[in-house]
Protein backbone atom coordinates (compact mmCIF):
# COMPACT_ATOMS: atom_id res chain seq x y z
CA MET A 1 34.98 -9.63 -29.22
CA HIS A 2 33.88 -11.92 -32.11
CA LEU A 3 31.28 -14.51 -31.68
CA ILE A 4 31.62 -17.80 -33.41
CA PRO A 5 28.36 -19.75 -34.06
CA THR A 6 28.19 -23.29 -32.70
CA VAL A 7 26.34 -26.30 -33.98
CA ILE A 8 24.90 -29.01 -31.73
CA THR A 9 24.60 -32.42 -33.22
CA ASN A 10 23.28 -35.75 -31.89
CA ASP A 11 25.48 -38.66 -32.83
CA GLY A 12 23.76 -41.45 -31.08
CA ARG A 13 26.20 -41.25 -28.16
CA GLY A 14 24.80 -37.89 -26.99
CA GLU A 15 24.96 -34.29 -27.98
CA ARG A 16 28.18 -32.60 -29.22
CA ALA A 17 28.81 -28.98 -29.80
CA TYR A 18 31.11 -27.89 -32.65
CA ASP A 19 32.15 -24.39 -33.64
CA ILE A 20 30.67 -23.89 -37.11
CA TYR A 21 34.11 -23.91 -38.89
CA SER A 22 35.07 -27.34 -37.40
CA ARG A 23 31.72 -28.67 -38.35
CA LEU A 24 31.93 -27.56 -41.89
CA LEU A 25 35.56 -29.09 -42.11
CA LYS A 26 34.21 -32.34 -40.69
CA ASP A 27 31.74 -32.36 -43.69
CA GLY A 28 34.46 -31.64 -46.17
CA VAL A 29 33.35 -27.97 -46.81
CA ILE A 30 36.15 -25.53 -47.16
CA PHE A 31 36.39 -21.86 -48.15
CA VAL A 32 39.13 -20.62 -50.38
CA ARG A 33 39.81 -16.89 -50.33
CA GLY A 34 42.01 -16.03 -53.20
CA PRO A 35 43.31 -17.55 -56.47
CA ILE A 36 44.53 -21.20 -56.55
CA ASP A 37 47.80 -21.57 -58.38
CA ASP A 38 49.26 -24.98 -59.40
CA ASP A 39 52.91 -23.70 -59.52
């Protein structure tokens, strides 16, 4: 079983829990594994 880390944020309306990948995507952080081709 794989464990995915969670992040807890406080947005003024209460606490919210995100999995780490959703939180990074919300901040515009993405990971690319492999070359990027414009074709």
